[in-house]
Amino acid sequence: MDKIGFVGVGLMGHGMAANILAAGYPLTVIAHRNRAPVKDLVEKGATEAADLATLAQTSDVVHICAPGSPQVEGIVAVLEEHMAEGGVVIDCSTSNPMSSSVLADRLGEKGIGWCDAPLGGTPVQAEAGELAAMVGATPEVFARVEPILKTWAGPIAHVGGPAAGHKMKLLNNFLAMGYGALYAEALALAEKTGLGTDTFDSVIRGSRMDCGFYQTFMGYAVEGNVEAHKFTLTNALKDMTYLAAMAGGVGVANPISGAIRNSYALAVNTGGDGPEDYVPHLVDYVARSNGIERG
């Protein structure tokens, strides 16, 4: 079996790595800040690498779960110097497709394959091995890594060559973050006009306008569960910035995505830039900007 390396065993990566181990693959991990998930994986049978170079030298296929393209680029700079020809790098981050294309070409020159496989789902689904994956890879690389992807993913969509997965993920997040911005603004209007959040929710929940994202968003807005959707406002802003760059690269006007990005920029720049400031909390920042204090 391929020897697997995993960089970034955080909220999503821990569950993915645990499922790779459970499927019998030899796994090497590396710690960043939080040692708890690394310790758990080592207790389950993983090996901990002292540094990234060692992980690269001992792995046939390396997964990356990083915050964004700058971090991925730094990781790949080390991997490409130490991985053997015939290896594959799988980027599960939500990255800038333009950067991904460059990295795929650069690795290809050294005989190392590239696969972008950004994720759809939650940490709970990661632990259950039920994430969705949007995959960009050549047919040959996809055939090589598909059995590995199946250890942690349910739906797997091979949407094209290198960087296609990251393009699709940005479109997916455009819709998701757009829902969040719409919900936050609609709730501000509901509060300001006297209808209130509970009345709004009583009409929308269960109607044609309901969906899974609505329910996790309202898990905070209505029920007060601060961890209802653990995706940070900072990551939302990053993804919408990448989307704007992708649109600009192909000359597409994107006024709606610009408005969505500005909603998250408002939140991030007025205090919502912490590691536990999640997307549903946007409702508080939009309310506050309109002089509304939510209970």
C-alpha atoms as a PDB file:
ATOM      1  CA  MET A   1       0.000   0.000   0.000  1.00  0.00           C
ATOM      2  CA  ASP A   2       1.064   3.588  -0.567  1.00  0.00           C
ATOM      3  CA  LYS A   3       2.676   5.220   2.442  1.00  0.00           C
ATOM      4  CA  ILE A   4       0.640   8.331   3.265  1.00  0.00           C
ATOM      5  CA  GLY A   5       1.871  11.599   4.740  1.00  0.00           C
ATOM      6  CA  PHE A   6      -0.548  14.131   6.216  1.00  0.00           C
ATOM      7  CA  VAL A   7       0.201  17.801   6.831  1.00  0.00           C
ATOM      8  CA  GLY A   8      -2.526  19.633   8.743  1.00  0.00           C
ATOM      9  CA  VAL A   9      -4.370  17.292  11.096  1.00  0.00           C
ATOM     10  CA  GLY A  10      -6.673  19.974  12.472  1.00  0.00           C
ATOM     11  CA  LEU A  11     -10.474  20.221  12.517  1.00  0.00           C
ATOM     12  CA  MET A  12     -10.910  18.425   9.188  1.00  0.00           C
ATOM     13  CA  GLY A  13      -7.558  16.709   8.804  1.00  0.00           C
ATOM     14  CA  HIS A  14      -7.723  14.692  12.012  1.00  0.00           C
ATOM     15  CA  GLY A  15     -10.820  12.780  10.934  1.00  0.00           C
ATOM     16  CA  MET A  16      -9.466  12.257   7.433  1.00  0.00           C
ATOM     17  CA  ALA A  17      -6.163  10.954   8.748  1.00  0.00           C
ATOM     18  CA  ALA A  18      -7.906   8.669  11.232  1.00  0.00           C
ATOM     19  CA  ASN A  19      -9.927   7.115   8.418  1.00  0.00           C
ATOM     20  CA  ILE A  20      -6.803   6.607   6.297  1.00  0.00           C
ATOM     21  CA  LEU A  21      -5.256   4.763   9.253  1.00  0.00           C
ATOM     22  CA  ALA A  22      -8.394   2.705   9.805  1.00  0.00           C
ATOM     23  CA  ALA A  23      -8.203   1.548   6.183  1.00  0.00           C
ATOM     24  CA  GLY A  24      -4.758   0.097   6.850  1.00  0.00           C
ATOM     25  CA  TYR A  25      -2.518   2.643   5.144  1.00  0.00           C
ATOM     26  CA  PRO A  26       0.813   3.443   6.828  1.00  0.00           C
ATOM     27  CA  LEU A  27       0.509   7.089   7.935  1.00  0.00           C
ATOM     28  CA  THR A  28       3.048   9.748   8.891  1.00  0.00           C
ATOM     29  CA  VAL A  29       1.897  13.024  10.431  1.00  0.00           C
ATOM     30  CA  ILE A  30       3.571  16.218  11.577  1.00  0.00           C
ATOM     31  CA  ALA A  31       2.596  18.567  14.391  1.00  0.00           C
ATOM     32  CA  HIS A  32       1.982  22.286  13.992  1.00  0.00           C
ATOM     33  CA  ARG A  33       0.531  24.054  17.042  1.00  0.00           C
ATOM     34  CA  ASN A  34      -2.043  21.690  18.489  1.00  0.00           C
ATOM     35  CA  ARG A  35      -0.455  18.426  19.579  1.00  0.00           C
ATOM     36  CA  ALA A  36      -3.675  16.758  20.717  1.00  0.00           C
ATOM     37  CA  PRO A  37      -4.749  15.391  17.294  1.00  0.00           C
ATOM     38  CA  VAL A  38      -1.194  14.239  16.529  1.00  0.00           C
ATOM     39  CA  LYS A  39      -1.003  12.426  19.865  1.00  0.00           C
ATOM     40  CA  ASP A  40      -4.337  10.721  19.165  1.00  0.00           C
ATOM     41  CA  LEU A  41      -3.241   9.587  15.700  1.00  0.00           C
ATOM     42  CA  VAL A  42       0.084   8.277  16.994  1.00  0.00           C
ATOM     43  CA  GLU A  43      -1.814   6.272  19.601  1.00  0.00           C
ATOM     44  CA  LYS A  44      -3.885   4.844  16.728  1.00  0.00           C
ATOM     45  CA  GLY A  45      -0.732   3.744  14.894  1.00  0.00           C
ATOM     46  CA  ALA A  46       0.570   6.734  12.959  1.00  0.00           C
ATOM     47  CA  THR A  47       4.213   7.801  12.945  1.00  0.00           C
ATOM     48  CA  GLU A  48       5.156  11.375  13.802  1.00  0.00           C
ATOM     49  CA  ALA A  49       7.787  13.029  11.596  1.00  0.00           C
ATOM     50  CA  ALA A  50      10.234  15.464  13.169  1.00  0.00           C
ATOM     51  CA  ASP A  51      10.088  17.762  10.162  1.00  0.00           C
ATOM     52  CA  LEU A  52       8.473  18.193   6.759  1.00  0.00           C
ATOM     53  CA  ALA A  53      11.502  16.899   4.866  1.00  0.00           C
ATOM     54  CA  THR A  54      11.354  13.608   6.769  1.00  0.00           C
ATOM     55  CA  LEU A  55       7.637  13.270   6.114  1.00  0.00           C
ATOM     56  CA  ALA A  56       8.262  13.826   2.399  1.00  0.00           C
ATOM     57  CA  GLN A  57      11.046  11.260   2.249  1.00  0.00           C
ATOM     58  CA  THR A  58       8.935   8.576   3.905  1.00  0.00           C
ATOM     59  CA  SER A  59       5.663   9.155   2.006  1.00  0.00           C
ATOM     60  CA  ASP A  60       4.401   8.123  -1.434  1.00  0.00           C
ATOM     61  CA  VAL A  61       1.298  10.327  -1.247  1.00  0.00           C
ATOM     62  CA  VAL A  62       1.085  13.487   0.869  1.00  0.00           C
ATOM     63  CA  HIS A  63      -2.172  15.179   1.885  1.00  0.00           C
ATOM     64  CA  ILE A  64      -2.157  18.895   2.702  1.00  0.00           C
ATOM     65  CA  CYS A  65      -4.904  20.580   4.739  1.00  0.00           C
ATOM     66  CA  ALA A  66      -3.723  24.174   5.135  1.00  0.00           C
ATOM     67  CA  PRO A  67      -5.441  27.566   5.586  1.00  0.00           C
ATOM     68  CA  GLY A  68      -4.733  28.748   2.040  1.00  0.00           C
ATOM     69  CA  SER A  69      -2.357  29.040  -0.897  1.00  0.00           C
ATOM     70  CA  PRO A  70       0.538  30.837   0.850  1.00  0.00           C
ATOM     71  CA  GLN A  71       0.825  27.970   3.327  1.00  0.00           C
ATOM     72  CA  VAL A  72       0.383  25.325   0.611  1.00  0.00           C
ATOM     73  CA  GLU A  73       3.102  26.948  -1.476  1.00  0.00           C
ATOM     74  CA  GLY A  74       5.502  26.867   1.469  1.00  0.00           C
ATOM     75  CA  ILE A  75       4.760  23.198   2.165  1.00  0.00           C
ATOM     76  CA  VAL A  76       5.124  22.181  -1.484  1.00  0.00           C
ATOM     77  CA  ALA A  77       8.488  23.990  -1.681  1.00  0.00           C
ATOM     78  CA  VAL A  78       9.805  21.455   0.838  1.00  0.00           C
ATOM     79  CA  LEU A  79       7.944  18.433  -0.525  1.00  0.00           C
ATOM     80  CA  GLU A  80       9.232  18.885  -4.058  1.00  0.00           C
ATOM     81  CA  GLU A  81      12.822  18.790  -2.820  1.00  0.00           C
ATOM     82  CA  HIS A  82      12.425  15.597  -0.813  1.00  0.00           C
ATOM     83  CA  MET A  83       9.667  13.428  -2.332  1.00  0.00           C
ATOM     84  CA  ALA A  84      10.703  10.647  -4.677  1.00  0.00           C
ATOM     85  CA  GLU A  85       9.726  10.654  -8.328  1.00  0.00           C
ATOM     86  CA  GLY A  86       6.341   8.978  -8.745  1.00  0.00           C
ATOM     87  CA  GLY A  87       4.883  10.493  -5.593  1.00  0.00           C
ATOM     88  CA  VAL A  88       1.643  12.478  -5.463  1.00  0.00           C
ATOM     89  CA  VAL A  89       0.678  15.620  -3.553  1.00  0.00           C
ATOM     90  CA  ILE A  90      -3.032  15.983  -2.672  1.00  0.00           C
ATOM     91  CA  ASP A  91      -4.073  19.509  -1.695  1.00  0.00           C
ATOM     92  CA  CYS A  92      -7.301  19.343   0.310  1.00  0.00           C
ATOM     93  CA  SER A  93      -7.174  23.046   1.190  1.00  0.00           C
ATOM     94  CA  THR A  94      -9.401  25.661  -0.397  1.00  0.00           C
ATOM     95  CA  SER A  95      -6.691  27.233  -2.512  1.00  0.00           C
ATOM     96  CA  ASN A  96      -6.281  29.771  -5.284  1.00  0.00           C
ATOM     97  CA  PRO A  97      -6.606  27.820  -8.572  1.00  0.00           C
ATOM     98  CA  MET A  98      -3.980  30.000 -10.246  1.00  0.00           C
ATOM     99  CA  SER A  99      -1.468  28.986  -7.599  1.00  0.00           C
ATOM    100  CA  SER A 100      -2.525  25.341  -7.891  1.00  0.00           C
ATOM    101  CA  SER A 101      -1.861  25.327 -11.635  1.00  0.00           C
ATOM    102  CA  VAL A 102       1.653  26.646 -11.078  1.00  0.00           C
ATOM    103  CA  LEU A 103       2.367  24.085  -8.357  1.00  0.00           C
ATOM    104  CA  ALA A 104       1.017  21.223 -10.485  1.00  0.00           C
ATOM    105  CA  ASP A 105       3.310  22.187 -13.376  1.00  0.00           C
ATOM    106  CA  ARG A 106       6.316  22.580 -11.096  1.00  0.00           C
ATOM    107  CA  LEU A 107       5.799  19.213  -9.439  1.00  0.00           C
ATOM    108  CA  GLY A 108       5.172  17.590 -12.806  1.00  0.00           C
ATOM    109  CA  GLU A 109       8.649  18.651 -13.950  1.00  0.00           C
ATOM    110  CA  LYS A 110      10.049  16.563 -11.088  1.00  0.00           C
ATOM    111  CA  GLY A 111       7.886  13.539 -11.810  1.00  0.00           C
ATOM    112  CA  ILE A 112       5.527  14.176  -8.889  1.00  0.00           C
ATOM    113  CA  GLY A 113       1.785  14.093  -9.486  1.00  0.00           C
ATOM    114  CA  TRP A 114      -0.715  16.710  -8.311  1.00  0.00           C
ATOM    115  CA  CYS A 115      -4.307  16.328  -7.142  1.00  0.00           C
ATOM    116  CA  ASP A 116      -6.480  19.069  -5.726  1.00  0.00           C
ATOM    117  CA  ALA A 117      -9.240  17.574  -3.605  1.00  0.00           C
ATOM    118  CA  PRO A 118     -10.896  20.354  -1.597  1.00  0.00           C
ATOM    119  CA  LEU A 119     -13.529  19.292   0.873  1.00  0.00           C
ATOM    120  CA  GLY A 120     -17.242  19.647   1.336  1.00  0.00           C
ATOM    121  CA  GLY A 121     -18.638  18.939   4.779  1.00  0.00           C
ATOM    122  CA  THR A 122     -18.021  19.392   8.469  1.00  0.00           C
ATOM    123  CA  PRO A 123     -15.554  18.054  11.063  1.00  0.00           C
ATOM    124  CA  VAL A 124     -18.247  15.571  12.136  1.00  0.00           C
ATOM    125  CA  GLN A 125     -18.429  14.243   8.573  1.00  0.00           C
ATOM    126  CA  ALA A 126     -14.626  14.142   8.442  1.00  0.00           C
ATOM    127  CA  GLU A 127     -14.548  11.864  11.478  1.00  0.00           C
ATOM    128  CA  ALA A 128     -17.241   9.680   9.904  1.00  0.00           C
ATOM    129  CA  GLY A 129     -15.420   9.430   6.554  1.00  0.00           C
ATOM    130  CA  GLU A 130     -18.340  11.107   4.807  1.00  0.00           C
ATOM    131  CA  LEU A 131     -16.821  14.260   3.335  1.00  0.00           C
ATOM    132  CA  ALA A 132     -17.379  15.255  -0.275  1.00  0.00           C
ATOM    133  CA  ALA A 133     -14.352  15.790  -2.517  1.00  0.00           C
ATOM    134  CA  MET A 134     -14.134  17.915  -5.658  1.00  0.00           C
ATOM    135  CA  VAL A 135     -11.122  16.549  -7.469  1.00  0.00           C
ATOM    136  CA  GLY A 136      -8.837  18.114 -10.048  1.00  0.00           C
ATOM    137  CA  ALA A 137      -6.236  15.697 -11.443  1.00  0.00           C
ATOM    138  CA  THR A 138      -5.142  13.959 -14.594  1.00  0.00           C
ATOM    139  CA  PRO A 139      -6.969  10.662 -15.212  1.00  0.00           C
ATOM    140  CA  GLU A 140      -3.795   8.757 -14.316  1.00  0.00           C
ATOM    141  CA  VAL A 141      -3.295  10.510 -10.993  1.00  0.00           C
ATOM    142  CA  PHE A 142      -6.990  10.244 -10.144  1.00  0.00           C
ATOM    143  CA  ALA A 143      -6.941   6.487 -10.715  1.00  0.00           C
ATOM    144  CA  ARG A 144      -3.911   6.258  -8.438  1.00  0.00           C
ATOM    145  CA  VAL A 145      -5.386   8.224  -5.523  1.00  0.00           C
ATOM    146  CA  GLU A 146      -9.102   7.370  -5.758  1.00  0.00           C
ATOM    147  CA  PRO A 147      -8.836   4.382  -3.375  1.00  0.00           C
ATOM    148  CA  ILE A 148      -7.147   6.665  -0.831  1.00  0.00           C
ATOM    149  CA  LEU A 149      -9.782   9.385  -1.251  1.00  0.00           C
ATOM    150  CA  LYS A 150     -12.486   6.801  -0.658  1.00  0.00           C
ATOM    151  CA  THR A 151     -11.161   6.181   2.859  1.00  0.00           C
ATOM    152  CA  TRP A 152     -12.320   9.650   3.969  1.00  0.00           C
ATOM    153  CA  ALA A 153     -14.844  10.758   1.335  1.00  0.00           C
ATOM    154  CA  GLY A 154     -18.313   9.679   0.332  1.00  0.00           C
ATOM    155  CA  PRO A 155     -19.220  11.607  -2.833  1.00  0.00           C
ATOM    156  CA  ILE A 156     -16.142  12.078  -5.043  1.00  0.00           C
ATOM    157  CA  ALA A 157     -16.519  14.236  -8.158  1.00  0.00           C
ATOM    158  CA  HIS A 158     -13.599  14.200 -10.594  1.00  0.00           C
ATOM    159  CA  VAL A 159     -14.326  17.539 -12.238  1.00  0.00           C
ATOM    160  CA  GLY A 160     -11.283  17.954 -14.482  1.00  0.00           C
ATOM    161  CA  GLY A 161      -7.538  18.348 -14.560  1.00  0.00           C
ATOM    162  CA  PRO A 162      -5.255  20.036 -12.028  1.00  0.00           C
ATOM    163  CA  ALA A 163      -6.847  23.118 -10.355  1.00  0.00           C
ATOM    164  CA  ALA A 164     -10.377  22.181 -11.507  1.00  0.00           C
ATOM    165  CA  GLY A 165     -11.240  20.950  -8.030  1.00  0.00           C
ATOM    166  CA  HIS A 166     -10.203  24.248  -6.499  1.00  0.00           C
ATOM    167  CA  LYS A 167     -12.235  26.164  -9.066  1.00  0.00           C
ATOM    168  CA  MET A 168     -15.306  24.084  -8.231  1.00  0.00           C
ATOM    169  CA  LYS A 169     -14.768  24.514  -4.477  1.00  0.00           C
ATOM    170  CA  LEU A 170     -14.679  28.295  -4.837  1.00  0.00           C
ATOM    171  CA  LEU A 171     -17.971  28.188  -6.735  1.00  0.00           C
ATOM    172  CA  ASN A 172     -19.415  25.946  -4.023  1.00  0.00           C
ATOM    173  CA  ASN A 173     -18.266  28.357  -1.323  1.00  0.00           C
ATOM    174  CA  PHE A 174     -19.578  31.313  -3.323  1.00  0.00           C
ATOM    175  CA  LEU A 175     -23.045  29.819  -2.904  1.00  0.00           C
ATOM    176  CA  ALA A 176     -22.540  28.892   0.745  1.00  0.00           C
ATOM    177  CA  MET A 177     -21.042  32.217   1.817  1.00  0.00           C
ATOM    178  CA  GLY A 178     -23.709  33.965  -0.253  1.00  0.00           C
ATOM    179  CA  TYR A 179     -26.409  32.179   1.745  1.00  0.00           C
ATOM    180  CA  GLY A 180     -24.711  33.322   4.939  1.00  0.00           C
ATOM    181  CA  ALA A 181     -24.594  36.956   3.815  1.00  0.00           C
ATOM    182  CA  LEU A 182     -28.246  36.827   2.728  1.00  0.00           C
ATOM    183  CA  TYR A 183     -29.396  35.249   5.977  1.00  0.00           C
ATOM    184  CA  ALA A 184     -27.508  37.781   8.100  1.00  0.00           C
ATOM    185  CA  GLU A 185     -28.969  40.731   6.207  1.00  0.00           C
ATOM    186  CA  ALA A 186     -32.480  39.247   6.164  1.00  0.00           C
ATOM    187  CA  LEU A 187     -32.368  38.739   9.925  1.00  0.00           C
ATOM    188  CA  ALA A 188     -31.221  42.325  10.462  1.00  0.00           C
ATOM    189  CA  LEU A 189     -34.238  43.459   8.450  1.00  0.00           C
ATOM    190  CA  ALA A 190     -36.509  41.100  10.368  1.00  0.00           C
ATOM    191  CA  GLU A 191     -35.313  42.553  13.665  1.00  0.00           C
ATOM    192  CA  LYS A 192     -35.459  46.181  12.523  1.00  0.00           C
ATOM    193  CA  THR A 193     -38.984  45.864  11.111  1.00  0.00           C
ATOM    194  CA  GLY A 194     -40.328  44.201  14.229  1.00  0.00           C
ATOM    195  CA  LEU A 195     -40.834  40.696  12.855  1.00  0.00           C
ATOM    196  CA  GLY A 196     -37.911  39.223  14.760  1.00  0.00           C
ATOM    197  CA  THR A 197     -35.635  36.252  14.206  1.00  0.00           C
ATOM    198  CA  ASP A 198     -38.000  33.619  15.579  1.00  0.00           C
ATOM    199  CA  THR A 199     -40.860  34.689  13.310  1.00  0.00           C
ATOM    200  CA  PHE A 200     -38.560  34.710  10.283  1.00  0.00           C
ATOM    201  CA  ASP A 201     -37.322  31.218  11.121  1.00  0.00           C
ATOM    202  CA  SER A 202     -40.830  29.852  11.711  1.00  0.00           C
ATOM    203  CA  VAL A 203     -41.753  30.737   8.118  1.00  0.00           C
ATOM    204  CA  ILE A 204     -38.534  29.718   6.343  1.00  0.00           C
ATOM    205  CA  ARG A 205     -37.725  26.497   8.204  1.00  0.00           C
ATOM    206  CA  GLY A 206     -39.314  23.574   6.389  1.00  0.00           C
ATOM    207  CA  SER A 207     -40.229  25.682   3.359  1.00  0.00           C
ATOM    208  CA  ARG A 208     -38.695  25.568  -0.118  1.00  0.00           C
ATOM    209  CA  MET A 209     -36.109  28.081   1.076  1.00  0.00           C
ATOM    210  CA  ASP A 210     -34.806  25.750   3.780  1.00  0.00           C
ATOM    211  CA  CYS A 211     -31.583  23.792   3.272  1.00  0.00           C
ATOM    212  CA  GLY A 212     -28.760  22.201   5.242  1.00  0.00           C
ATOM    213  CA  PHE A 213     -26.721  25.403   5.294  1.00  0.00           C
ATOM    214  CA  TYR A 214     -29.748  27.350   6.540  1.00  0.00           C
ATOM    215  CA  GLN A 215     -30.146  24.927   9.426  1.00  0.00           C
ATOM    216  CA  THR A 216     -26.522  25.132  10.580  1.00  0.00           C
ATOM    217  CA  PHE A 217     -26.537  28.930  10.226  1.00  0.00           C
ATOM    218  CA  MET A 218     -29.724  29.167  12.271  1.00  0.00           C
ATOM    219  CA  GLY A 219     -28.237  26.773  14.784  1.00  0.00           C
ATOM    220  CA  TYR A 220     -26.403  29.847  15.987  1.00  0.00           C
ATOM    221  CA  ALA A 221     -28.774  32.662  14.958  1.00  0.00           C
ATOM    222  CA  VAL A 222     -31.819  31.035  16.565  1.00  0.00           C
ATOM    223  CA  GLU A 223     -30.537  28.434  18.992  1.00  0.00           C
ATOM    224  CA  GLY A 224     -27.309  30.130  20.108  1.00  0.00           C
ATOM    225  CA  ASN A 225     -25.000  27.201  19.330  1.00  0.00           C
ATOM    226  CA  VAL A 226     -21.706  29.029  18.725  1.00  0.00           C
ATOM    227  CA  GLU A 227     -20.182  25.913  17.123  1.00  0.00           C
ATOM    228  CA  ALA A 228     -23.089  25.141  14.790  1.00  0.00           C
ATOM    229  CA  HIS A 229     -20.885  25.667  11.716  1.00  0.00           C
ATOM    230  CA  LYS A 230     -17.166  25.728  12.504  1.00  0.00           C
ATOM    231  CA  PHE A 231     -15.889  27.603   9.455  1.00  0.00           C
ATOM    232  CA  THR A 232     -14.239  30.893  10.282  1.00  0.00           C
ATOM    233  CA  LEU A 233     -15.186  34.318   9.008  1.00  0.00           C
ATOM    234  CA  THR A 234     -11.512  34.773   8.089  1.00  0.00           C
ATOM    235  CA  ASN A 235     -11.619  31.700   5.842  1.00  0.00           C
ATOM    236  CA  ALA A 236     -14.863  32.914   4.273  1.00  0.00           C
ATOM    237  CA  LEU A 237     -13.220  36.231   3.414  1.00  0.00           C
ATOM    238  CA  LYS A 238     -10.157  34.428   2.052  1.00  0.00           C
ATOM    239  CA  ASP A 239     -12.282  32.212  -0.184  1.00  0.00           C
ATOM    240  CA  MET A 240     -14.290  35.125  -1.554  1.00  0.00           C
ATOM    241  CA  THR A 241     -11.020  36.951  -2.268  1.00  0.00           C
ATOM    242  CA  TYR A 242      -9.795  33.916  -4.223  1.00  0.00           C
ATOM    243  CA  LEU A 243     -13.104  33.836  -6.092  1.00  0.00           C
ATOM    244  CA  ALA A 244     -12.653  37.488  -7.104  1.00  0.00           C
ATOM    245  CA  ALA A 245      -9.159  36.676  -8.389  1.00  0.00           C
ATOM    246  CA  MET A 246     -10.527  33.712 -10.363  1.00  0.00           C
ATOM    247  CA  ALA A 247     -13.252  35.880 -11.911  1.00  0.00           C
ATOM    248  CA  GLY A 248     -10.751  38.598 -12.732  1.00  0.00           C
ATOM    249  CA  GLY A 249      -8.458  36.063 -14.364  1.00  0.00           C
ATOM    250  CA  VAL A 250     -11.137  35.110 -16.894  1.00  0.00           C
ATOM    251  CA  GLY A 251     -12.672  38.573 -17.260  1.00  0.00           C
ATOM    252  CA  VAL A 252     -16.040  37.801 -15.637  1.00  0.00           C
ATOM    253  CA  ALA A 253     -17.942  40.598 -13.899  1.00  0.00           C
ATOM    254  CA  ASN A 254     -18.843  39.448 -10.395  1.00  0.00           C
ATOM    255  CA  PRO A 255     -20.806  42.176  -8.584  1.00  0.00           C
ATOM    256  CA  ILE A 256     -22.723  39.774  -6.333  1.00  0.00           C
ATOM    257  CA  SER A 257     -19.601  38.019  -5.101  1.00  0.00           C
ATOM    258  CA  GLY A 258     -18.096  41.435  -4.405  1.00  0.00           C
ATOM    259  CA  ALA A 259     -21.045  42.299  -2.162  1.00  0.00           C
ATOM    260  CA  ILE A 260     -20.740  38.945  -0.384  1.00  0.00           C
ATOM    261  CA  ARG A 261     -17.017  39.472   0.165  1.00  0.00           C
ATOM    262  CA  ASN A 262     -17.680  42.885   1.658  1.00  0.00           C
ATOM    263  CA  SER A 263     -20.072  41.393   4.223  1.00  0.00           C
ATOM    264  CA  TYR A 264     -17.315  39.131   5.512  1.00  0.00           C
ATOM    265  CA  ALA A 265     -14.708  41.895   5.287  1.00  0.00           C
ATOM    266  CA  LEU A 266     -16.956  44.037   7.492  1.00  0.00           C
ATOM    267  CA  ALA A 267     -17.120  41.270  10.101  1.00  0.00           C
ATOM    268  CA  VAL A 268     -13.429  40.384  10.016  1.00  0.00           C
ATOM    269  CA  ASN A 269     -12.356  44.023  10.215  1.00  0.00           C
ATOM    270  CA  THR A 270     -14.645  44.810  13.161  1.00  0.00           C
ATOM    271  CA  GLY A 271     -13.531  42.040  15.503  1.00  0.00           C
ATOM    272  CA  GLY A 272     -14.490  38.787  13.787  1.00  0.00           C
ATOM    273  CA  ASP A 273     -10.956  37.713  12.955  1.00  0.00           C
ATOM    274  CA  GLY A 274     -10.420  35.081  15.645  1.00  0.00           C
ATOM    275  CA  PRO A 275     -10.079  31.297  15.366  1.00  0.00           C
ATOM    276  CA  GLU A 276     -13.533  30.811  16.928  1.00  0.00           C
ATOM    277  CA  ASP A 277     -15.372  33.515  14.982  1.00  0.00           C
ATOM    278  CA  TYR A 278     -17.489  31.371  12.672  1.00  0.00           C
ATOM    279  CA  VAL A 279     -19.613  32.149   9.615  1.00  0.00           C
ATOM    280  CA  PRO A 280     -23.017  32.096  11.408  1.00  0.00           C
ATOM    281  CA  HIS A 281     -21.673  34.799  13.742  1.00  0.00           C
ATOM    282  CA  LEU A 282     -21.899  37.125  10.733  1.00  0.00           C
ATOM    283  CA  VAL A 283     -25.467  37.774  11.865  1.00  0.00           C
ATOM    284  CA  ASP A 284     -24.121  39.680  14.888  1.00  0.00           C
ATOM    285  CA  TYR A 285     -21.794  41.903  12.877  1.00  0.00           C
ATOM    286  CA  VAL A 286     -24.434  42.828  10.293  1.00  0.00           C
ATOM    287  CA  ALA A 287     -26.920  43.526  13.098  1.00  0.00           C
ATOM    288  CA  ARG A 288     -24.438  45.688  14.994  1.00  0.00           C
ATOM    289  CA  SER A 289     -23.585  47.702  11.886  1.00  0.00           C
ATOM    290  CA  ASN A 290     -27.300  48.531  11.703  1.00  0.00           C
ATOM    291  CA  GLY A 291     -27.602  49.545  15.340  1.00  0.00           C
ATOM    292  CA  ILE A 292     -29.232  46.274  16.384  1.00  0.00           C
ATOM    293  CA  GLU A 293     -28.107  44.478  19.518  1.00  0.00           C
ATOM    294  CA  ARG A 294     -29.075  40.821  19.368  1.00  0.00           C
ATOM    295  CA  GLY A 295     -29.954  39.056  22.604  1.00  0.00           C
END
